[in-house]
Structures are given as structure tokens and as C-alpha cells.
Amino acid sequence: MVPAPLPVVGEVAEYAATLRADLRALWRNVIARRAPEVADRIEQPDHCLPIGEAASPYLQAINIWFQLTRIIDENCAMRDRRQAEARQGAGVRRGQLRQGDCRP
């Protein structure tokens, strides 16, 4: 039920896995404290979600996880870019501007 993470390579992969595990545990703890029935059911992919208004808390919890995974992916991509720039210099990635490329 929870989305699969985007593939990450290199040194960032371990960082991404740790960050994802830490945030998932925190996310799960908040849900367990605020809505224990949602936490129990959301971790069991073989259970169907309720329909109608009863589905709102489950959908809200899943939406929060989607947002967290997007933030994790963005953070890891930025970390990967910074590491590449530190190793190879700024502007080494396709589509990036190098210093001096923008002229008034």
C-alpha cells in the first residue's frame, strides 16, 4: 500500500535507506499515537481500506507518506548533485549552468 522508493545509486543509497527508515518509523509513531486503528490497518497490505468518509484518515496518512517520500527523494537527489559537484566541479551535470554561462 505504501509506495516503493525511487532507485538511488552510489553513496546516497545508504543515506536514502536510513532516512526512509527513520522517517517511516516517525510517521508510524505519529499515526499510532493519533489514530491507532489507522496505524494497524495501514501496515497490512492485504486489508482493504474503508469506503466513503471512513476512508479519510487512511487516505490522509497515505498522502503524508507520499509527501515524505517525495521530500526524501528530492533531498537525496540534491545530496547526489552536491557530491558530484564536489568531486567533479560545478556544472558537470547535463542541464546545469556553469558560472559565466548567464550573460546580462
N, C-alpha and C. Protein backbone atom coordinates (compact mmCIF):
# COMPACT_ATOMS: atom_id res chain seq x y z
N MET A 1 0.82 -1.18 0.00
CA MET A 1 0.00 0.00 0.00
C MET A 1 0.87 1.25 0.00
N VAL A 2 2.01 1.23 0.67
CA VAL A 2 2.92 2.37 0.71
C VAL A 2 3.79 2.33 -0.53
N PRO A 3 4.04 3.49 -1.17
CA PRO A 3 4.77 3.50 -2.44
C PRO A 3 6.21 3.02 -2.31
N ALA A 4 6.69 2.40 -3.36
CA ALA A 4 8.09 1.96 -3.38
C ALA A 4 8.99 3.15 -3.62
N PRO A 5 10.18 3.15 -3.02
CA PRO A 5 11.09 4.28 -3.20
C PRO A 5 11.68 4.30 -4.60
N LEU A 6 12.05 5.49 -5.04
CA LEU A 6 12.74 5.61 -6.33
C LEU A 6 14.15 5.04 -6.19
N PRO A 7 14.72 4.45 -7.25
CA PRO A 7 16.07 3.91 -7.14
C PRO A 7 17.10 5.01 -6.95
N VAL A 8 18.02 4.79 -6.05
CA VAL A 8 19.10 5.73 -5.78
C VAL A 8 20.39 4.94 -5.84
N VAL A 9 21.44 5.54 -6.43
CA VAL A 9 22.70 4.83 -6.58
C VAL A 9 23.82 5.52 -5.82
N GLY A 10 24.92 4.81 -5.66
CA GLY A 10 26.11 5.39 -5.06
C GLY A 10 26.00 5.54 -3.56
N GLU A 11 26.80 6.48 -3.05
CA GLU A 11 26.86 6.72 -1.62
C GLU A 11 25.53 7.19 -1.06
N VAL A 12 24.72 7.77 -1.90
CA VAL A 12 23.45 8.33 -1.46
C VAL A 12 22.44 7.22 -1.12
N ALA A 13 22.63 6.03 -1.69
CA ALA A 13 21.68 4.94 -1.46
C ALA A 13 21.57 4.58 0.01
N GLU A 14 22.68 4.47 0.69
CA GLU A 14 22.65 4.14 2.12
C GLU A 14 22.00 5.26 2.92
N TYR A 15 22.33 6.48 2.58
CA TYR A 15 21.72 7.64 3.24
C TYR A 15 20.21 7.62 3.03
N ALA A 16 19.78 7.35 1.79
CA ALA A 16 18.35 7.33 1.47
C ALA A 16 17.62 6.23 2.25
N ALA A 17 18.23 5.07 2.32
CA ALA A 17 17.61 3.95 3.04
C ALA A 17 17.47 4.28 4.53
N THR A 18 18.50 4.89 5.11
CA THR A 18 18.46 5.25 6.52
C THR A 18 17.41 6.33 6.76
N LEU A 19 17.40 7.34 5.92
CA LEU A 19 16.44 8.43 6.06
C LEU A 19 15.01 7.91 5.91
N ARG A 20 14.80 7.05 4.92
CA ARG A 20 13.47 6.48 4.68
C ARG A 20 13.01 5.65 5.89
N ALA A 21 13.91 4.84 6.44
CA ALA A 21 13.56 4.02 7.60
C ALA A 21 13.25 4.88 8.83
N ASP A 22 14.07 5.91 9.04
CA ASP A 22 13.85 6.80 10.19
C ASP A 22 12.53 7.54 10.07
N LEU A 23 12.27 8.12 8.89
CA LEU A 23 11.02 8.86 8.72
C LEU A 23 9.81 7.94 8.75
N ARG A 24 9.95 6.74 8.24
CA ARG A 24 8.82 5.80 8.29
C ARG A 24 8.49 5.45 9.73
N ALA A 25 9.51 5.24 10.55
CA ALA A 25 9.27 4.94 11.97
C ALA A 25 8.60 6.12 12.67
N LEU A 26 9.06 7.32 12.38
CA LEU A 26 8.44 8.51 12.98
C LEU A 26 7.00 8.68 12.51
N TRP A 27 6.79 8.50 11.21
CA TRP A 27 5.44 8.58 10.62
C TRP A 27 4.51 7.57 11.28
N ARG A 28 5.00 6.35 11.42
CA ARG A 28 4.21 5.28 12.04
C ARG A 28 3.90 5.61 13.49
N ASN A 29 4.86 6.16 14.24
CA ASN A 29 4.64 6.52 15.64
C ASN A 29 3.58 7.60 15.79
N VAL A 30 3.63 8.59 14.92
CA VAL A 30 2.63 9.67 14.99
C VAL A 30 1.24 9.11 14.71
N ILE A 31 1.13 8.28 13.68
CA ILE A 31 -0.17 7.69 13.35
C ILE A 31 -0.66 6.79 14.48
N ALA A 32 0.24 6.01 15.05
CA ALA A 32 -0.15 5.11 16.15
C ALA A 32 -0.66 5.89 17.35
N ARG A 33 -0.04 7.05 17.60
CA ARG A 33 -0.47 7.87 18.73
C ARG A 33 -1.79 8.57 18.44
N ARG A 34 -1.95 9.09 17.24
CA ARG A 34 -3.13 9.88 16.89
C ARG A 34 -4.33 9.02 16.47
N ALA A 35 -4.05 7.93 15.76
CA ALA A 35 -5.13 7.09 15.22
C ALA A 35 -4.67 5.64 15.16
N PRO A 36 -4.66 4.95 16.30
CA PRO A 36 -4.14 3.58 16.35
C PRO A 36 -4.82 2.62 15.37
N GLU A 37 -6.11 2.80 15.14
CA GLU A 37 -6.81 1.91 14.21
C GLU A 37 -6.31 2.09 12.78
N VAL A 38 -5.91 3.31 12.44
CA VAL A 38 -5.36 3.58 11.11
C VAL A 38 -3.97 2.95 11.00
N ALA A 39 -3.16 3.11 12.03
CA ALA A 39 -1.80 2.56 12.02
C ALA A 39 -1.81 1.04 11.86
N ASP A 40 -2.70 0.39 12.58
CA ASP A 40 -2.77 -1.08 12.49
C ASP A 40 -3.16 -1.54 11.10
N ARG A 41 -4.10 -0.86 10.51
CA ARG A 41 -4.63 -1.29 9.23
C ARG A 41 -3.74 -0.89 8.05
N ILE A 42 -3.09 0.24 8.16
CA ILE A 42 -2.31 0.76 7.04
C ILE A 42 -1.06 -0.07 6.77
N GLU A 43 -0.56 -0.75 7.76
CA GLU A 43 0.64 -1.57 7.61
C GLU A 43 0.33 -2.97 7.08
N GLN A 44 -0.93 -3.27 6.88
CA GLN A 44 -1.33 -4.60 6.40
C GLN A 44 -1.89 -4.47 4.98
N PRO A 45 -1.05 -4.73 3.97
CA PRO A 45 -1.48 -4.52 2.58
C PRO A 45 -2.61 -5.45 2.14
N ASP A 46 -2.86 -6.53 2.87
CA ASP A 46 -3.93 -7.44 2.46
C ASP A 46 -5.31 -6.97 2.93
N HIS A 47 -5.37 -5.92 3.73
CA HIS A 47 -6.64 -5.37 4.18
C HIS A 47 -7.08 -4.23 3.27
N CYS A 48 -8.35 -4.21 2.95
CA CYS A 48 -8.89 -3.13 2.13
C CYS A 48 -9.20 -1.92 3.02
N LEU A 49 -9.08 -0.77 2.43
CA LEU A 49 -9.44 0.45 3.15
C LEU A 49 -10.95 0.60 3.18
N PRO A 50 -11.47 1.27 4.18
CA PRO A 50 -12.92 1.52 4.20
C PRO A 50 -13.31 2.43 3.04
N ILE A 51 -14.60 2.51 2.79
CA ILE A 51 -15.07 3.37 1.71
C ILE A 51 -15.81 4.57 2.30
N GLY A 52 -15.98 5.59 1.49
CA GLY A 52 -16.70 6.78 1.92
C GLY A 52 -15.90 7.61 2.90
N GLU A 53 -16.60 8.29 3.79
CA GLU A 53 -15.97 9.16 4.78
C GLU A 53 -15.00 8.41 5.68
N ALA A 54 -15.25 7.15 5.93
CA ALA A 54 -14.39 6.35 6.81
C ALA A 54 -12.98 6.18 6.25
N ALA A 55 -12.82 6.40 4.95
CA ALA A 55 -11.51 6.25 4.32
C ALA A 55 -10.62 7.47 4.52
N SER A 56 -11.18 8.59 4.92
CA SER A 56 -10.43 9.85 5.03
C SER A 56 -9.17 9.75 5.87
N PRO A 57 -9.21 9.21 7.09
CA PRO A 57 -7.98 9.17 7.88
C PRO A 57 -6.90 8.29 7.25
N TYR A 58 -7.30 7.23 6.58
CA TYR A 58 -6.33 6.34 5.92
C TYR A 58 -5.69 7.05 4.73
N LEU A 59 -6.52 7.70 3.94
CA LEU A 59 -6.01 8.43 2.78
C LEU A 59 -5.11 9.58 3.21
N GLN A 60 -5.46 10.23 4.29
CA GLN A 60 -4.62 11.32 4.80
C GLN A 60 -3.26 10.79 5.23
N ALA A 61 -3.24 9.66 5.93
CA ALA A 61 -1.97 9.06 6.37
C ALA A 61 -1.11 8.64 5.17
N ILE A 62 -1.73 8.05 4.17
CA ILE A 62 -1.00 7.63 2.97
C ILE A 62 -0.47 8.85 2.22
N ASN A 63 -1.27 9.90 2.14
CA ASN A 63 -0.84 11.13 1.47
C ASN A 63 0.37 11.73 2.18
N ILE A 64 0.37 11.72 3.49
CA ILE A 64 1.52 12.22 4.24
C ILE A 64 2.76 11.41 3.90
N TRP A 65 2.62 10.09 3.81
CA TRP A 65 3.78 9.26 3.46
C TRP A 65 4.27 9.57 2.05
N PHE A 66 3.35 9.76 1.10
CA PHE A 66 3.75 10.14 -0.26
C PHE A 66 4.56 11.43 -0.23
N GLN A 67 4.11 12.41 0.53
CA GLN A 67 4.83 13.68 0.62
C GLN A 67 6.20 13.49 1.25
N LEU A 68 6.28 12.68 2.29
CA LEU A 68 7.57 12.42 2.92
C LEU A 68 8.54 11.72 1.96
N THR A 69 8.05 10.76 1.18
CA THR A 69 8.93 10.07 0.23
C THR A 69 9.40 11.03 -0.86
N ARG A 70 8.53 11.95 -1.27
CA ARG A 70 8.95 12.95 -2.27
C ARG A 70 10.06 13.83 -1.70
N ILE A 71 9.91 14.23 -0.46
CA ILE A 71 10.93 15.05 0.20
C ILE A 71 12.24 14.26 0.32
N ILE A 72 12.15 12.99 0.68
CA ILE A 72 13.35 12.14 0.77
C ILE A 72 14.04 12.06 -0.59
N ASP A 73 13.27 11.81 -1.64
CA ASP A 73 13.85 11.69 -2.98
C ASP A 73 14.51 12.99 -3.42
N GLU A 74 13.85 14.12 -3.15
CA GLU A 74 14.43 15.41 -3.51
C GLU A 74 15.71 15.67 -2.72
N ASN A 75 15.68 15.34 -1.45
CA ASN A 75 16.85 15.52 -0.60
C ASN A 75 18.02 14.68 -1.10
N CYS A 76 17.74 13.44 -1.46
CA CYS A 76 18.80 12.54 -1.94
C CYS A 76 19.34 13.00 -3.29
N ALA A 77 18.46 13.48 -4.16
CA ALA A 77 18.92 13.98 -5.46
C ALA A 77 19.82 15.19 -5.28
N MET A 78 19.45 16.09 -4.37
CA MET A 78 20.28 17.26 -4.10
C MET A 78 21.62 16.85 -3.51
N ARG A 79 21.58 15.88 -2.60
CA ARG A 79 22.81 15.39 -1.98
C ARG A 79 23.73 14.77 -3.04
N ASP A 80 23.13 14.00 -3.95
CA ASP A 80 23.90 13.37 -5.03
C ASP A 80 24.53 14.43 -5.93
N ARG A 81 23.75 15.48 -6.28
CA ARG A 81 24.30 16.57 -7.11
C ARG A 81 25.45 17.27 -6.41
N ARG A 82 25.29 17.54 -5.12
CA ARG A 82 26.35 18.23 -4.38
C ARG A 82 27.61 17.37 -4.30
N GLN A 83 27.44 16.07 -4.10
CA GLN A 83 28.61 15.20 -4.05
C GLN A 83 29.30 15.15 -5.41
N ALA A 84 28.53 15.10 -6.49
CA ALA A 84 29.12 15.09 -7.84
C ALA A 84 29.85 16.39 -8.11
N GLU A 85 29.28 17.51 -7.70
CA GLU A 85 29.94 18.80 -7.88
C GLU A 85 31.22 18.88 -7.07
N ALA A 86 31.21 18.32 -5.87
CA ALA A 86 32.41 18.35 -5.03
C ALA A 86 33.52 17.52 -5.66
N ARG A 87 33.16 16.40 -6.30
CA ARG A 87 34.16 15.53 -6.93
C ARG A 87 34.61 16.07 -8.28
N GLN A 88 33.68 16.58 -9.09
CA GLN A 88 33.98 16.89 -10.48
C GLN A 88 33.89 18.37 -10.83
N GLY A 89 33.44 19.18 -9.93
CA GLY A 89 33.30 20.61 -10.21
C GLY A 89 31.87 20.98 -10.58
N ALA A 90 31.56 22.23 -10.40
CA ALA A 90 30.20 22.72 -10.69
C ALA A 90 29.90 22.64 -12.17
N GLY A 91 28.65 22.41 -12.50
CA GLY A 91 28.21 22.41 -13.89
C GLY A 91 28.53 21.15 -14.66
N VAL A 92 28.87 20.06 -13.97
CA VAL A 92 29.23 18.84 -14.68
C VAL A 92 28.01 18.06 -15.14
N ARG A 93 26.88 18.32 -14.57
CA ARG A 93 25.67 17.59 -14.94
C ARG A 93 24.97 18.26 -16.11
N ARG A 94 24.44 17.46 -16.97
CA ARG A 94 23.71 17.96 -18.13
C ARG A 94 22.54 18.83 -17.68
N GLY A 95 22.40 19.98 -18.31
CA GLY A 95 21.29 20.86 -17.99
C GLY A 95 21.61 21.88 -16.91
N GLN A 96 22.78 21.79 -16.30
CA GLN A 96 23.16 22.76 -15.28
C GLN A 96 23.94 23.89 -15.92
N LEU A 97 23.77 25.05 -15.38
CA LEU A 97 24.53 26.20 -15.86
C LEU A 97 25.85 26.28 -15.13
N ARG A 98 26.90 26.58 -15.88
CA ARG A 98 28.21 26.80 -15.27
C ARG A 98 28.34 28.29 -14.98
N GLN A 99 29.22 28.62 -14.09
CA GLN A 99 29.46 30.02 -13.78
C GLN A 99 29.92 30.71 -15.06
N GLY A 100 29.31 31.84 -15.38
CA GLY A 100 29.68 32.57 -16.59
C GLY A 100 28.79 32.26 -17.78
N ASP A 101 27.92 31.24 -17.68
CA ASP A 101 27.03 30.91 -18.78
C ASP A 101 25.92 31.93 -18.96
N CYS A 102 25.53 32.58 -17.89
CA CYS A 102 24.45 33.57 -17.95
C CYS A 102 25.08 34.94 -18.17
N ARG A 103 24.78 35.50 -19.30
CA ARG A 103 25.33 36.83 -19.61
C ARG A 103 24.20 37.84 -19.59
N PRO A 104 24.47 39.03 -19.02
CA PRO A 104 23.39 40.05 -18.98
C PRO A 104 22.99 40.54 -20.34
